[in-house]
Amino acid sequence: MSANASQPSRIRFALLIFLFVYPLVTIGLLILMPLTQGWPLPLRTLILVPVIVASMVWGVIPLIQTRLRHLL
């Protein structure tokens, strides 16, 4: 058996991350845009990025690594 057989697929992991991040960012923007109308893009990003990062670190990645591990 090769060393890669026991390792999760990075491509599948990346795809799962994308499948979770895309809707998070889209919904985040839908909520944020009306609340920050007229704000410069860097300030909007400064609000959205920490929310997405926290969601990834404490939500999405642990979910993928535990409950969705069979898909990797």
Protein backbone atom coordinates (compact mmCIF):
# COMPACT_ATOMS: atom_id res chain seq x y z
CA MET A 1 0.00 0.00 0.00
CA SER A 2 1.36 3.44 -0.86
CA ALA A 3 1.86 6.27 1.63
CA ASN A 4 -0.90 8.29 -0.07
CA ALA A 5 -3.51 5.60 0.59
CA SER A 6 -3.74 6.59 4.26
CA GLN A 7 -3.59 10.33 3.58
CA PRO A 8 -6.77 12.29 2.84
CA SER A 9 -7.01 13.63 -0.69
CA ARG A 10 -5.97 17.28 -0.80
CA ILE A 11 -8.05 17.85 -3.91
CA ARG A 12 -11.20 16.49 -2.26
CA PHE A 13 -10.44 18.47 0.91
CA ALA A 14 -10.02 21.65 -1.17
CA LEU A 15 -13.28 20.93 -3.00
CA LEU A 16 -15.16 20.44 0.27
CA ILE A 17 -13.66 23.66 1.65
CA PHE A 18 -14.79 25.47 -1.51
CA LEU A 19 -18.30 24.02 -1.22
CA PHE A 20 -18.59 25.46 2.29
CA VAL A 21 -16.71 28.75 1.81
CA TYR A 22 -18.49 29.90 -1.35
CA PRO A 23 -21.94 30.02 0.27
CA LEU A 24 -20.48 31.50 3.48
CA VAL A 25 -18.88 34.36 1.56
CA THR A 26 -21.94 34.88 -0.64
CA ILE A 27 -24.33 35.00 2.32
CA GLY A 28 -21.88 37.18 4.26
CA LEU A 29 -21.76 39.66 1.39
CA LEU A 30 -25.55 39.65 1.01
CA ILE A 31 -25.88 40.55 4.69
CA LEU A 32 -22.92 42.95 4.83
CA MET A 33 -23.44 44.97 1.66
CA PRO A 34 -26.65 46.77 2.69
CA LEU A 35 -25.27 47.44 6.18
CA THR A 36 -22.03 48.94 4.88
CA GLN A 37 -23.30 50.86 1.86
CA GLY A 38 -20.78 53.49 0.86
CA TRP A 39 -17.94 51.92 2.84
CA PRO A 40 -14.65 51.34 1.02
CA LEU A 41 -13.97 47.74 0.03
CA PRO A 42 -11.04 47.28 2.47
CA LEU A 43 -13.32 48.08 5.43
CA ARG A 44 -15.99 45.67 4.24
CA THR A 45 -13.33 43.02 3.82
CA LEU A 46 -11.99 43.79 7.30
CA ILE A 47 -15.38 42.83 8.73
CA LEU A 48 -16.09 39.82 6.53
CA VAL A 49 -12.72 38.05 6.65
CA PRO A 50 -12.58 37.45 10.43
CA VAL A 51 -16.10 36.00 10.34
CA ILE A 52 -15.16 33.64 7.50
CA VAL A 53 -11.85 32.65 9.13
CA ALA A 54 -13.54 31.93 12.48
CA SER A 55 -16.23 29.91 10.68
CA MET A 56 -13.53 27.92 8.93
CA VAL A 57 -11.32 27.28 11.97
CA TRP A 58 -14.05 26.41 14.47
CA GLY A 59 -16.79 25.14 12.16
CA VAL A 60 -16.13 24.04 8.62
CA ILE A 61 -12.69 22.41 8.90
CA PRO A 62 -13.53 20.41 12.05
CA LEU A 63 -16.80 19.31 10.43
CA ILE A 64 -14.99 18.11 7.32
CA GLN A 65 -12.24 16.39 9.30
CA THR A 66 -14.68 14.54 11.55
CA ARG A 67 -18.13 14.00 10.09
CA LEU A 68 -17.20 14.23 6.41
CA ARG A 69 -13.84 12.40 6.64
CA HIS A 70 -15.28 9.48 4.65
CA LEU A 71 -15.52 11.82 1.64
CA LEU A 72 -11.82 12.57 1.73
